[in-house]
Amino acid sequence: MRRELELEIVKVTEAAALAVSPLIGKGDKMLVDQAAVDAMREEFNRMKMRGRVVIGEGKKDKAPMLYTGEKLGLGTGSEIDIAVDPVEGTNLVAGDLPNALAVVAIAKKGQILSAPDMYMKKIAVGPEAKGAINLEASITENIKAVAEAKGKRISDIKVIILDRPRHQEMIKEIREVGAKVKLINAADVVAGVAVGLANHEGDLLYGIGGAPEGVLTAAALKCLGGDMQGQLIFYNDKEVEEAKQLGITNINQIFTLDQLVSGEEVIFSATGITNGELLKGVQHYHNWVETHSIVMNSSTNKVRHIKLEHRLSNNIYLEKEVANF
């Protein structure tokens, strides 16, 4: 893929975060998603590529989609798979709660799993525990394996899991084996990225969350050298049929990281909307706005943190990079 795509993808997530930021705390998650989708679509359509959305968003929330199969870009250049979550945490933005992000991952055509908008059981770790996880094993067995791989005591292992009723037995088992539990209310993409970064807390992401978010997490961990497995959770025949229409014929399949995101190059970008553990949110000042983003490329093994000033001149934001690569 063109090296310029790395910078162009950051502009996509920045555009979404900027468009959403005036809506923080105003309680309208539908308007939040619409603003992000419109901004992303406009920025994508400036790019020299033949893009196709393989991970979209919106069905569960009845939100305006960047829908699966939508074509983006100028129609020239490389054929690109696009996975998007215009706002990871619409409720977080609506309620001015932490950890909301705008997220995009891209790869060459055919290299990102087109997962339906349903649930996925997932387990994810950073580079030190790569190869140590097994979704078919119990959470107890996985905790022990990760502790051994990382050279830690079980009592020092921290498992990040969504605070949901469906996870109560899992949480009980984690605590009974002696590990720590970090409960999160939303934004499991943030948690998935965090377990892959040495300077963030969390040894293991576990539990059932969104399948689209699972694929985006896999893209980030591919860049970070981490590991992940995921298995789709079906609640009815309609969901089974949706999966089959996307080419997933084995409904019991456990997807490895390389099956979720294949190939040698994937680019992942996220921009903070509200303040969070991974990134600062959009910061508003008198006549300028500051964004904080992270962009990663699996082919270069680089993680770049970008702080950018968007100065307002005649109602147009002019960019000034203040903390570059």
C-alpha atoms as a PDB file:
ATOM      1  CA  MET A   1       0.000   0.000   0.000  1.00  0.00           C
ATOM      2  CA  ARG A   2       1.084   3.592  -0.496  1.00  0.00           C
ATOM      3  CA  ARG A   3       3.051   4.984   2.459  1.00  0.00           C
ATOM      4  CA  GLU A   4       0.914   8.128   2.254  1.00  0.00           C
ATOM      5  CA  LEU A   5      -2.093   6.092   3.341  1.00  0.00           C
ATOM      6  CA  GLU A   6      -0.752   6.049   6.886  1.00  0.00           C
ATOM      7  CA  LEU A   7      -1.078   9.822   7.189  1.00  0.00           C
ATOM      8  CA  GLU A   8      -4.320   9.926   5.228  1.00  0.00           C
ATOM      9  CA  ILE A   9      -5.968   7.410   7.554  1.00  0.00           C
ATOM     10  CA  VAL A  10      -5.072   9.583  10.553  1.00  0.00           C
ATOM     11  CA  LYS A  11      -6.902  12.451   8.854  1.00  0.00           C
ATOM     12  CA  VAL A  12     -10.000  10.250   8.659  1.00  0.00           C
ATOM     13  CA  THR A  13     -10.112   9.549  12.401  1.00  0.00           C
ATOM     14  CA  GLU A  14      -9.188  13.149  13.207  1.00  0.00           C
ATOM     15  CA  ALA A  15     -12.042  14.417  11.021  1.00  0.00           C
ATOM     16  CA  ALA A  16     -14.535  12.199  12.837  1.00  0.00           C
ATOM     17  CA  ALA A  17     -13.297  13.283  16.270  1.00  0.00           C
ATOM     18  CA  LEU A  18     -13.441  16.966  15.315  1.00  0.00           C
ATOM     19  CA  ALA A  19     -16.954  16.633  13.908  1.00  0.00           C
ATOM     20  CA  VAL A  20     -18.203  14.875  17.041  1.00  0.00           C
ATOM     21  CA  SER A  21     -16.502  17.018  19.672  1.00  0.00           C
ATOM     22  CA  PRO A  22     -19.158  19.802  19.786  1.00  0.00           C
ATOM     23  CA  LEU A  23     -21.722  17.105  20.630  1.00  0.00           C
ATOM     24  CA  ILE A  24     -19.917  15.729  23.696  1.00  0.00           C
ATOM     25  CA  GLY A  25     -22.261  15.579  26.677  1.00  0.00           C
ATOM     26  CA  LYS A  26     -25.392  16.561  24.724  1.00  0.00           C
ATOM     27  CA  GLY A  27     -27.088  13.197  25.056  1.00  0.00           C
ATOM     28  CA  ASP A  28     -27.833  12.442  21.376  1.00  0.00           C
ATOM     29  CA  LYS A  29     -25.856   9.363  20.353  1.00  0.00           C
ATOM     30  CA  MET A  30     -27.592   9.159  16.964  1.00  0.00           C
ATOM     31  CA  LEU A  31     -26.461  12.669  16.072  1.00  0.00           C
ATOM     32  CA  VAL A  32     -22.973  11.794  17.314  1.00  0.00           C
ATOM     33  CA  ASP A  33     -22.755   8.802  14.981  1.00  0.00           C
ATOM     34  CA  GLN A  34     -24.179  10.733  12.025  1.00  0.00           C
ATOM     35  CA  ALA A  35     -21.587  13.485  12.424  1.00  0.00           C
ATOM     36  CA  ALA A  36     -18.735  10.978  12.602  1.00  0.00           C
ATOM     37  CA  VAL A  37     -19.953   8.943   9.628  1.00  0.00           C
ATOM     38  CA  ASP A  38     -20.368  12.033   7.448  1.00  0.00           C
ATOM     39  CA  ALA A  39     -16.907  13.328   8.336  1.00  0.00           C
ATOM     40  CA  MET A  40     -15.233   9.963   7.729  1.00  0.00           C
ATOM     41  CA  ARG A  41     -16.987   9.412   4.415  1.00  0.00           C
ATOM     42  CA  GLU A  42     -15.976  12.853   3.164  1.00  0.00           C
ATOM     43  CA  GLU A  43     -12.328  12.303   4.114  1.00  0.00           C
ATOM     44  CA  PHE A  44     -12.209   8.771   2.665  1.00  0.00           C
ATOM     45  CA  ASN A  45     -13.546  10.048  -0.643  1.00  0.00           C
ATOM     46  CA  ARG A  46     -10.557  12.382  -0.991  1.00  0.00           C
ATOM     47  CA  MET A  47      -8.155   9.436  -0.943  1.00  0.00           C
ATOM     48  CA  LYS A  48      -6.505   7.852  -3.965  1.00  0.00           C
ATOM     49  CA  MET A  49      -7.754   4.309  -3.482  1.00  0.00           C
ATOM     50  CA  ARG A  50     -10.474   1.860  -4.369  1.00  0.00           C
ATOM     51  CA  GLY A  51     -11.798   1.218  -0.909  1.00  0.00           C
ATOM     52  CA  ARG A  52     -14.556  -1.108   0.235  1.00  0.00           C
ATOM     53  CA  VAL A  53     -16.025  -1.250   3.732  1.00  0.00           C
ATOM     54  CA  VAL A  54     -15.800  -4.786   5.131  1.00  0.00           C
ATOM     55  CA  ILE A  55     -16.487  -3.861   8.751  1.00  0.00           C
ATOM     56  CA  GLY A  56     -19.160  -1.204   9.053  1.00  0.00           C
ATOM     57  CA  GLU A  57     -21.321  -0.146  11.938  1.00  0.00           C
ATOM     58  CA  GLY A  58     -24.797   0.784  12.927  1.00  0.00           C
ATOM     59  CA  LYS A  59     -27.228  -2.144  12.888  1.00  0.00           C
ATOM     60  CA  LYS A  60     -27.414  -2.693  16.613  1.00  0.00           C
ATOM     61  CA  ASP A  61     -27.713   1.047  17.299  1.00  0.00           C
ATOM     62  CA  LYS A  62     -29.910   1.811  14.253  1.00  0.00           C
ATOM     63  CA  ALA A  63     -27.243   4.342  13.373  1.00  0.00           C
ATOM     64  CA  PRO A  64     -26.334   5.870   9.999  1.00  0.00           C
ATOM     65  CA  MET A  65     -23.886   3.452   8.468  1.00  0.00           C
ATOM     66  CA  LEU A  66     -20.678   3.339   6.655  1.00  0.00           C
ATOM     67  CA  TYR A  67     -22.242   0.104   5.518  1.00  0.00           C
ATOM     68  CA  THR A  68     -20.580  -3.163   4.605  1.00  0.00           C
ATOM     69  CA  GLY A  69     -19.895  -3.137   0.888  1.00  0.00           C
ATOM     70  CA  GLU A  70     -19.872   0.653   0.544  1.00  0.00           C
ATOM     71  CA  LYS A  71     -17.224   1.867  -1.896  1.00  0.00           C
ATOM     72  CA  LEU A  72     -15.008   4.760  -0.860  1.00  0.00           C
ATOM     73  CA  GLY A  73     -12.141   6.717  -2.358  1.00  0.00           C
ATOM     74  CA  LEU A  74     -11.443   8.323  -5.712  1.00  0.00           C
ATOM     75  CA  GLY A  75     -11.652   4.998  -7.548  1.00  0.00           C
ATOM     76  CA  THR A  76      -7.958   4.870  -8.453  1.00  0.00           C
ATOM     77  CA  GLY A  77      -4.963   3.195  -6.847  1.00  0.00           C
ATOM     78  CA  SER A  78      -4.901   0.125  -4.609  1.00  0.00           C
ATOM     79  CA  GLU A  79      -7.922  -1.975  -3.715  1.00  0.00           C
ATOM     80  CA  ILE A  80      -8.320  -1.566   0.027  1.00  0.00           C
ATOM     81  CA  ASP A  81     -10.373  -3.284   2.739  1.00  0.00           C
ATOM     82  CA  ILE A  82     -11.692  -0.801   5.300  1.00  0.00           C
ATOM     83  CA  ALA A  83     -12.845  -1.522   8.854  1.00  0.00           C
ATOM     84  CA  VAL A  84     -14.453   1.388  10.667  1.00  0.00           C
ATOM     85  CA  ASP A  85     -15.977   2.329  13.963  1.00  0.00           C
ATOM     86  CA  PRO A  86     -16.728   6.046  13.475  1.00  0.00           C
ATOM     87  CA  VAL A  87     -17.384   6.334  17.208  1.00  0.00           C
ATOM     88  CA  GLU A  88     -16.260   3.572  19.545  1.00  0.00           C
ATOM     89  CA  GLY A  89     -18.621   4.475  22.359  1.00  0.00           C
ATOM     90  CA  THR A  90     -21.498   6.670  21.152  1.00  0.00           C
ATOM     91  CA  ASN A  91     -22.974   6.531  24.659  1.00  0.00           C
ATOM     92  CA  LEU A  92     -19.636   7.678  26.060  1.00  0.00           C
ATOM     93  CA  VAL A  93     -19.701  10.771  23.859  1.00  0.00           C
ATOM     94  CA  ALA A  94     -23.362  11.485  24.588  1.00  0.00           C
ATOM     95  CA  GLY A  95     -22.680  11.311  28.324  1.00  0.00           C
ATOM     96  CA  ASP A  96     -19.212  12.920  28.278  1.00  0.00           C
ATOM     97  CA  LEU A  97     -17.667   9.723  29.610  1.00  0.00           C
ATOM     98  CA  PRO A  98     -14.054   8.611  29.062  1.00  0.00           C
ATOM     99  CA  ASN A  99     -12.475   6.447  26.354  1.00  0.00           C
ATOM    100  CA  ALA A 100     -14.520   7.326  23.250  1.00  0.00           C
ATOM    101  CA  LEU A 101     -12.503   6.980  20.035  1.00  0.00           C
ATOM    102  CA  ALA A 102     -12.802   7.250  16.277  1.00  0.00           C
ATOM    103  CA  VAL A 103     -11.217   4.098  14.806  1.00  0.00           C
ATOM    104  CA  VAL A 104     -10.175   2.873  11.333  1.00  0.00           C
ATOM    105  CA  ALA A 105      -8.101  -0.050  10.057  1.00  0.00           C
ATOM    106  CA  ILE A 106      -7.155  -0.743   6.440  1.00  0.00           C
ATOM    107  CA  ALA A 107      -5.402  -3.547   4.569  1.00  0.00           C
ATOM    108  CA  LYS A 108      -5.163  -4.860   1.034  1.00  0.00           C
ATOM    109  CA  LYS A 109      -8.273  -6.391  -0.507  1.00  0.00           C
ATOM    110  CA  GLY A 110      -9.294  -9.691   1.069  1.00  0.00           C
ATOM    111  CA  GLN A 111      -7.170  -9.327   4.196  1.00  0.00           C
ATOM    112  CA  ILE A 112      -9.732  -8.161   6.793  1.00  0.00           C
ATOM    113  CA  LEU A 113     -12.443 -10.579   7.885  1.00  0.00           C
ATOM    114  CA  SER A 114     -15.895  -9.234   7.023  1.00  0.00           C
ATOM    115  CA  ALA A 115     -17.598 -10.064  10.293  1.00  0.00           C
ATOM    116  CA  PRO A 116     -21.338  -9.485  10.785  1.00  0.00           C
ATOM    117  CA  ASP A 117     -22.629  -6.949  13.291  1.00  0.00           C
ATOM    118  CA  MET A 118     -23.141  -9.400  16.145  1.00  0.00           C
ATOM    119  CA  TYR A 119     -21.285 -10.645  19.202  1.00  0.00           C
ATOM    120  CA  MET A 120     -17.916 -12.332  19.493  1.00  0.00           C
ATOM    121  CA  LYS A 121     -16.191 -14.143  22.325  1.00  0.00           C
ATOM    122  CA  LYS A 122     -12.604 -12.940  22.367  1.00  0.00           C
ATOM    123  CA  ILE A 123      -9.313 -13.260  24.127  1.00  0.00           C
ATOM    124  CA  ALA A 124      -6.393 -10.918  23.487  1.00  0.00           C
ATOM    125  CA  VAL A 125      -2.869 -10.395  24.827  1.00  0.00           C
ATOM    126  CA  GLY A 126       0.264  -8.406  24.108  1.00  0.00           C
ATOM    127  CA  PRO A 127       3.538  -9.598  22.525  1.00  0.00           C
ATOM    128  CA  GLU A 128       4.945 -11.276  25.645  1.00  0.00           C
ATOM    129  CA  ALA A 129       2.080 -13.772  25.742  1.00  0.00           C
ATOM    130  CA  LYS A 130       1.778 -14.363  21.996  1.00  0.00           C
ATOM    131  CA  GLY A 131       0.961 -18.028  21.391  1.00  0.00           C
ATOM    132  CA  ALA A 132      -0.042 -18.671  25.002  1.00  0.00           C
ATOM    133  CA  ILE A 133      -3.809 -18.202  24.653  1.00  0.00           C
ATOM    134  CA  ASN A 134      -6.500 -20.686  23.674  1.00  0.00           C
ATOM    135  CA  LEU A 135     -10.167 -19.731  23.494  1.00  0.00           C
ATOM    136  CA  GLU A 136     -11.169 -23.389  23.848  1.00  0.00           C
ATOM    137  CA  ALA A 137      -9.462 -23.526  27.250  1.00  0.00           C
ATOM    138  CA  SER A 138     -10.960 -22.126  30.441  1.00  0.00           C
ATOM    139  CA  ILE A 139     -10.188 -18.612  31.641  1.00  0.00           C
ATOM    140  CA  THR A 140      -8.289 -20.215  34.537  1.00  0.00           C
ATOM    141  CA  GLU A 141      -6.034 -22.138  32.130  1.00  0.00           C
ATOM    142  CA  ASN A 142      -5.461 -19.004  30.055  1.00  0.00           C
ATOM    143  CA  ILE A 143      -4.548 -16.917  33.093  1.00  0.00           C
ATOM    144  CA  LYS A 144      -1.992 -19.527  34.157  1.00  0.00           C
ATOM    145  CA  ALA A 145      -0.530 -19.693  30.637  1.00  0.00           C
ATOM    146  CA  VAL A 146      -0.272 -15.915  30.338  1.00  0.00           C
ATOM    147  CA  ALA A 147       1.317 -15.635  33.794  1.00  0.00           C
ATOM    148  CA  GLU A 148       3.942 -18.208  32.825  1.00  0.00           C
ATOM    149  CA  ALA A 149       4.618 -16.533  29.461  1.00  0.00           C
ATOM    150  CA  LYS A 150       5.050 -13.123  31.095  1.00  0.00           C
ATOM    151  CA  GLY A 151       7.001 -14.379  34.098  1.00  0.00           C
ATOM    152  CA  LYS A 152       4.390 -13.046  36.510  1.00  0.00           C
ATOM    153  CA  ARG A 153       2.587 -14.401  39.524  1.00  0.00           C
ATOM    154  CA  ILE A 154      -1.069 -15.217  38.911  1.00  0.00           C
ATOM    155  CA  SER A 155      -1.964 -12.690  41.615  1.00  0.00           C
ATOM    156  CA  ASP A 156      -0.373  -9.964  39.468  1.00  0.00           C
ATOM    157  CA  ILE A 157      -2.284 -10.817  36.276  1.00  0.00           C
ATOM    158  CA  LYS A 158      -5.004  -8.284  35.442  1.00  0.00           C
ATOM    159  CA  VAL A 159      -7.908  -9.343  33.208  1.00  0.00           C
ATOM    160  CA  ILE A 160      -9.923  -6.622  31.471  1.00  0.00           C
ATOM    161  CA  ILE A 161     -13.558  -7.544  30.928  1.00  0.00           C
ATOM    162  CA  LEU A 162     -16.785  -5.709  30.095  1.00  0.00           C
ATOM    163  CA  ASP A 163     -19.035  -5.189  33.117  1.00  0.00           C
ATOM    164  CA  ARG A 164     -22.036  -7.141  31.849  1.00  0.00           C
ATOM    165  CA  PRO A 165     -24.376  -9.703  33.486  1.00  0.00           C
ATOM    166  CA  ARG A 166     -23.243 -12.312  30.929  1.00  0.00           C
ATOM    167  CA  HIS A 167     -19.739 -12.142  32.408  1.00  0.00           C
ATOM    168  CA  GLN A 168     -20.582 -12.722  36.061  1.00  0.00           C
ATOM    169  CA  GLU A 169     -19.465 -16.361  36.120  1.00  0.00           C
ATOM    170  CA  MET A 170     -16.273 -15.483  34.231  1.00  0.00           C
ATOM    171  CA  ILE A 171     -15.503 -12.708  36.706  1.00  0.00           C
ATOM    172  CA  LYS A 172     -16.095 -15.087  39.597  1.00  0.00           C
ATOM    173  CA  GLU A 173     -13.688 -17.645  38.106  1.00  0.00           C
ATOM    174  CA  ILE A 174     -11.006 -15.004  37.480  1.00  0.00           C
ATOM    175  CA  ARG A 175     -11.119 -13.918  41.090  1.00  0.00           C
ATOM    176  CA  GLU A 176     -11.204 -17.467  42.421  1.00  0.00           C
ATOM    177  CA  VAL A 177      -7.964 -18.322  40.608  1.00  0.00           C
ATOM    178  CA  GLY A 178      -6.411 -15.270  42.278  1.00  0.00           C
ATOM    179  CA  ALA A 179      -6.083 -12.851  39.363  1.00  0.00           C
ATOM    180  CA  LYS A 180      -7.232  -9.233  39.268  1.00  0.00           C
ATOM    181  CA  VAL A 181     -10.290  -7.975  37.387  1.00  0.00           C
ATOM    182  CA  LYS A 182     -10.567  -4.603  35.692  1.00  0.00           C
ATOM    183  CA  LEU A 183     -14.175  -3.910  34.746  1.00  0.00           C
ATOM    184  CA  ILE A 184     -14.932  -1.589  31.837  1.00  0.00           C
ATOM    185  CA  ASN A 185     -18.317  -0.181  30.837  1.00  0.00           C
ATOM    186  CA  ALA A 186     -17.614   0.080  27.101  1.00  0.00           C
ATOM    187  CA  ALA A 187     -14.795   0.626  24.598  1.00  0.00           C
ATOM    188  CA  ASP A 188     -13.201  -2.809  24.453  1.00  0.00           C
ATOM    189  CA  VAL A 189     -11.101  -1.659  21.472  1.00  0.00           C
ATOM    190  CA  VAL A 190      -9.304   0.642  23.920  1.00  0.00           C
ATOM    191  CA  ALA A 191      -8.758  -2.328  26.233  1.00  0.00           C
ATOM    192  CA  GLY A 192      -7.518  -4.500  23.374  1.00  0.00           C
ATOM    193  CA  VAL A 193      -4.959  -1.910  22.334  1.00  0.00           C
ATOM    194  CA  ALA A 194      -3.936  -1.360  25.962  1.00  0.00           C
ATOM    195  CA  VAL A 195      -2.980  -5.015  26.540  1.00  0.00           C
ATOM    196  CA  GLY A 196      -0.646  -4.729  23.552  1.00  0.00           C
ATOM    197  CA  LEU A 197       1.209  -1.685  24.886  1.00  0.00           C
ATOM    198  CA  ALA A 198       3.882  -2.080  27.544  1.00  0.00           C
ATOM    199  CA  ASN A 199       3.056   1.254  29.194  1.00  0.00           C
ATOM    200  CA  HIS A 200      -0.631   0.465  29.772  1.00  0.00           C
ATOM    201  CA  GLU A 201      -2.189  -1.770  32.385  1.00  0.00           C
ATOM    202  CA  GLY A 202      -3.877  -5.062  31.611  1.00  0.00           C
ATOM    203  CA  ASP A 203      -2.475  -8.485  30.726  1.00  0.00           C
ATOM    204  CA  LEU A 204      -5.484 -10.076  29.120  1.00  0.00           C
ATOM    205  CA  LEU A 205      -8.722  -8.963  27.426  1.00  0.00           C
ATOM    206  CA  TYR A 206     -11.477 -11.548  27.758  1.00  0.00           C
ATOM    207  CA  GLY A 207     -15.213 -11.919  27.251  1.00  0.00           C
ATOM    208  CA  ILE A 208     -18.024 -11.281  24.801  1.00  0.00           C
ATOM    209  CA  GLY A 209     -18.262  -8.001  22.911  1.00  0.00           C
ATOM    210  CA  GLY A 210     -18.982  -6.730  19.429  1.00  0.00           C
ATOM    211  CA  ALA A 211     -17.571  -8.689  16.480  1.00  0.00           C
ATOM    212  CA  PRO A 212     -16.720  -5.535  14.457  1.00  0.00           C
ATOM    213  CA  GLU A 213     -14.813  -4.191  17.455  1.00  0.00           C
ATOM    214  CA  GLY A 214     -13.084  -7.555  17.707  1.00  0.00           C
ATOM    215  CA  VAL A 215     -11.743  -7.285  14.163  1.00  0.00           C
ATOM    216  CA  LEU A 216     -10.537  -3.717  14.799  1.00  0.00           C
ATOM    217  CA  THR A 217      -8.806  -4.917  17.968  1.00  0.00           C
ATOM    218  CA  ALA A 218      -7.140  -7.675  15.954  1.00  0.00           C
ATOM    219  CA  ALA A 219      -5.848  -5.080  13.484  1.00  0.00           C
ATOM    220  CA  ALA A 220      -4.240  -3.103  16.296  1.00  0.00           C
ATOM    221  CA  LEU A 221      -2.709  -6.194  17.896  1.00  0.00           C
ATOM    222  CA  LYS A 222      -1.349  -7.308  14.518  1.00  0.00           C
ATOM    223  CA  CYS A 223       0.570  -4.024  14.458  1.00  0.00           C
ATOM    224  CA  LEU A 224       1.716  -4.410  18.062  1.00  0.00           C
ATOM    225  CA  GLY A 225       2.873  -8.018  17.771  1.00  0.00           C
ATOM    226  CA  GLY A 226       0.189  -9.273  20.136  1.00  0.00           C
ATOM    227  CA  ASP A 227      -2.226 -12.161  19.797  1.00  0.00           C
ATOM    228  CA  MET A 228      -5.968 -12.713  19.699  1.00  0.00           C
ATOM    229  CA  GLN A 229      -8.618 -15.335  19.083  1.00  0.00           C
ATOM    230  CA  GLY A 230     -12.322 -14.779  18.453  1.00  0.00           C
ATOM    231  CA  GLN A 231     -15.452 -16.852  17.991  1.00  0.00           C
ATOM    232  CA  LEU A 232     -18.789 -15.517  16.759  1.00  0.00           C
ATOM    233  CA  ILE A 233     -21.741 -15.919  19.129  1.00  0.00           C
ATOM    234  CA  PHE A 234     -25.039 -16.684  17.401  1.00  0.00           C
ATOM    235  CA  TYR A 235     -28.376 -15.998  19.080  1.00  0.00           C
ATOM    236  CA  ASN A 236     -30.734 -16.840  16.200  1.00  0.00           C
ATOM    237  CA  ASP A 237     -30.968 -18.239  12.670  1.00  0.00           C
ATOM    238  CA  LYS A 238     -30.938 -14.761  11.151  1.00  0.00           C
ATOM    239  CA  GLU A 239     -27.444 -14.139  12.520  1.00  0.00           C
ATOM    240  CA  VAL A 240     -26.270 -17.498  11.171  1.00  0.00           C
ATOM    241  CA  GLU A 241     -27.585 -16.566   7.728  1.00  0.00           C
ATOM    242  CA  GLU A 242     -25.878 -13.146   7.858  1.00  0.00           C
ATOM    243  CA  ALA A 243     -22.567 -14.828   8.628  1.00  0.00           C
ATOM    244  CA  LYS A 244     -22.984 -17.294   5.769  1.00  0.00           C
ATOM    245  CA  GLN A 245     -23.728 -14.449   3.364  1.00  0.00           C
ATOM    246  CA  LEU A 246     -20.353 -12.974   4.314  1.00  0.00           C
ATOM    247  CA  GLY A 247     -18.597 -16.270   3.563  1.00  0.00           C
ATOM    248  CA  ILE A 248     -18.403 -17.651   7.112  1.00  0.00           C
ATOM    249  CA  THR A 249     -19.610 -21.225   6.685  1.00  0.00           C
ATOM    250  CA  ASN A 250     -18.200 -22.818   9.853  1.00  0.00           C
ATOM    251  CA  ILE A 251     -20.262 -21.128  12.538  1.00  0.00           C
ATOM    252  CA  ASN A 252     -18.215 -22.746  15.314  1.00  0.00           C
ATOM    253  CA  GLN A 253     -14.862 -21.558  13.969  1.00  0.00           C
ATOM    254  CA  ILE A 254     -12.360 -20.009  16.317  1.00  0.00           C
ATOM    255  CA  PHE A 255     -10.559 -17.321  14.345  1.00  0.00           C
ATOM    256  CA  THR A 256      -6.881 -16.721  14.985  1.00  0.00           C
ATOM    257  CA  LEU A 257      -5.318 -13.286  14.716  1.00  0.00           C
ATOM    258  CA  ASP A 258      -4.066 -14.042  11.201  1.00  0.00           C
ATOM    259  CA  GLN A 259      -7.537 -15.167  10.153  1.00  0.00           C
ATOM    260  CA  LEU A 260      -9.130 -12.009  11.514  1.00  0.00           C
ATOM    261  CA  VAL A 261      -6.525  -9.835   9.776  1.00  0.00           C
ATOM    262  CA  SER A 262      -4.225 -11.521   7.272  1.00  0.00           C
ATOM    263  CA  GLY A 263      -1.342 -10.284   5.120  1.00  0.00           C
ATOM    264  CA  GLU A 264       1.817  -8.456   6.051  1.00  0.00           C
ATOM    265  CA  GLU A 265       0.498  -4.901   6.183  1.00  0.00           C
ATOM    266  CA  VAL A 266      -2.393  -3.445   8.121  1.00  0.00           C
ATOM    267  CA  ILE A 267      -2.669   0.179   9.209  1.00  0.00           C
ATOM    268  CA  PHE A 268      -4.615   1.098  12.341  1.00  0.00           C
ATOM    269  CA  SER A 269      -5.539   4.614  13.449  1.00  0.00           C
ATOM    270  CA  ALA A 270      -7.504   5.939  16.418  1.00  0.00           C
ATOM    271  CA  THR A 271      -8.193   9.498  17.539  1.00  0.00           C
ATOM    272  CA  GLY A 272      -9.453  10.359  21.011  1.00  0.00           C
ATOM    273  CA  ILE A 273     -12.859  12.023  21.296  1.00  0.00           C
ATOM    274  CA  THR A 274     -13.236  12.114  25.076  1.00  0.00           C
ATOM    275  CA  ASN A 275     -10.304  11.831  27.471  1.00  0.00           C
ATOM    276  CA  GLY A 276      -9.263   8.272  28.117  1.00  0.00           C
ATOM    277  CA  GLU A 277      -6.575   5.836  29.157  1.00  0.00           C
ATOM    278  CA  LEU A 278      -5.217   5.417  25.650  1.00  0.00           C
ATOM    279  CA  LEU A 279      -5.594   8.923  24.236  1.00  0.00           C
ATOM    280  CA  LYS A 280      -6.598  12.419  25.280  1.00  0.00           C
ATOM    281  CA  GLY A 281      -9.853  13.617  23.814  1.00  0.00           C
ATOM    282  CA  VAL A 282     -10.374  16.639  21.588  1.00  0.00           C
ATOM    283  CA  GLN A 283      -9.171  19.756  23.420  1.00  0.00           C
ATOM    284  CA  HIS A 284     -10.905  23.064  22.581  1.00  0.00           C
ATOM    285  CA  TYR A 285      -9.107  26.374  23.034  1.00  0.00           C
ATOM    286  CA  HIS A 286      -9.899  29.963  21.981  1.00  0.00           C
ATOM    287  CA  ASN A 287      -9.322  29.680  18.236  1.00  0.00           C
ATOM    288  CA  TRP A 288      -7.895  26.222  17.815  1.00  0.00           C
ATOM    289  CA  VAL A 289      -8.538  22.596  18.619  1.00  0.00           C
ATOM    290  CA  GLU A 290      -6.043  19.874  19.538  1.00  0.00           C
ATOM    291  CA  THR A 291      -6.381  16.193  18.633  1.00  0.00           C
ATOM    292  CA  HIS A 292      -4.448  13.187  19.901  1.00  0.00           C
ATOM    293  CA  SER A 293      -4.077  10.113  17.705  1.00  0.00           C
ATOM    294  CA  ILE A 294      -2.225   6.835  17.518  1.00  0.00           C
ATOM    295  CA  VAL A 295      -1.350   5.214  14.177  1.00  0.00           C
ATOM    296  CA  MET A 296       0.334   1.848  13.695  1.00  0.00           C
ATOM    297  CA  ASN A 297       1.619  -0.097  10.695  1.00  0.00           C
ATOM    298  CA  SER A 298       2.282  -3.823  10.961  1.00  0.00           C
ATOM    299  CA  SER A 299       4.825  -3.769   8.126  1.00  0.00           C
ATOM    300  CA  THR A 300       7.071  -1.215   9.842  1.00  0.00           C
ATOM    301  CA  ASN A 301       6.401  -2.218  13.486  1.00  0.00           C
ATOM    302  CA  LYS A 302       6.075   1.459  14.327  1.00  0.00           C
ATOM    303  CA  VAL A 303       3.631   3.094  16.728  1.00  0.00           C
ATOM    304  CA  ARG A 304       3.271   6.815  16.162  1.00  0.00           C
ATOM    305  CA  HIS A 305       1.616   9.256  18.556  1.00  0.00           C
ATOM    306  CA  ILE A 306       0.415  12.426  16.854  1.00  0.00           C
ATOM    307  CA  LYS A 307      -0.697  15.610  18.576  1.00  0.00           C
ATOM    308  CA  LEU A 308      -2.092  18.084  16.066  1.00  0.00           C
ATOM    309  CA  GLU A 309      -3.306  21.668  16.367  1.00  0.00           C
ATOM    310  CA  HIS A 310      -6.210  22.535  14.092  1.00  0.00           C
ATOM    311  CA  ARG A 311      -6.253  26.344  13.959  1.00  0.00           C
ATOM    312  CA  LEU A 312      -9.425  28.110  12.912  1.00  0.00           C
ATOM    313  CA  SER A 313      -9.023  30.669  10.091  1.00  0.00           C
ATOM    314  CA  ASN A 314     -12.127  31.902   8.232  1.00  0.00           C
ATOM    315  CA  ASN A 315     -14.043  28.942   9.708  1.00  0.00           C
ATOM    316  CA  ILE A 316     -11.530  26.458   8.243  1.00  0.00           C
ATOM    317  CA  TYR A 317      -9.219  24.336  10.363  1.00  0.00           C
ATOM    318  CA  LEU A 318      -5.545  24.714   9.408  1.00  0.00           C
ATOM    319  CA  GLU A 319      -3.377  21.856  10.656  1.00  0.00           C
ATOM    320  CA  LYS A 320      -0.145  22.303  12.568  1.00  0.00           C
ATOM    321  CA  GLU A 321       1.650  19.218  13.808  1.00  0.00           C
ATOM    322  CA  VAL A 322       3.040  19.904  17.258  1.00  0.00           C
ATOM    323  CA  ALA A 323       4.227  16.441  18.251  1.00  0.00           C
ATOM    324  CA  ASN A 324       5.103  14.431  15.204  1.00  0.00           C
ATOM    325  CA  PHE A 325       6.487  11.000  14.389  1.00  0.00           C
END
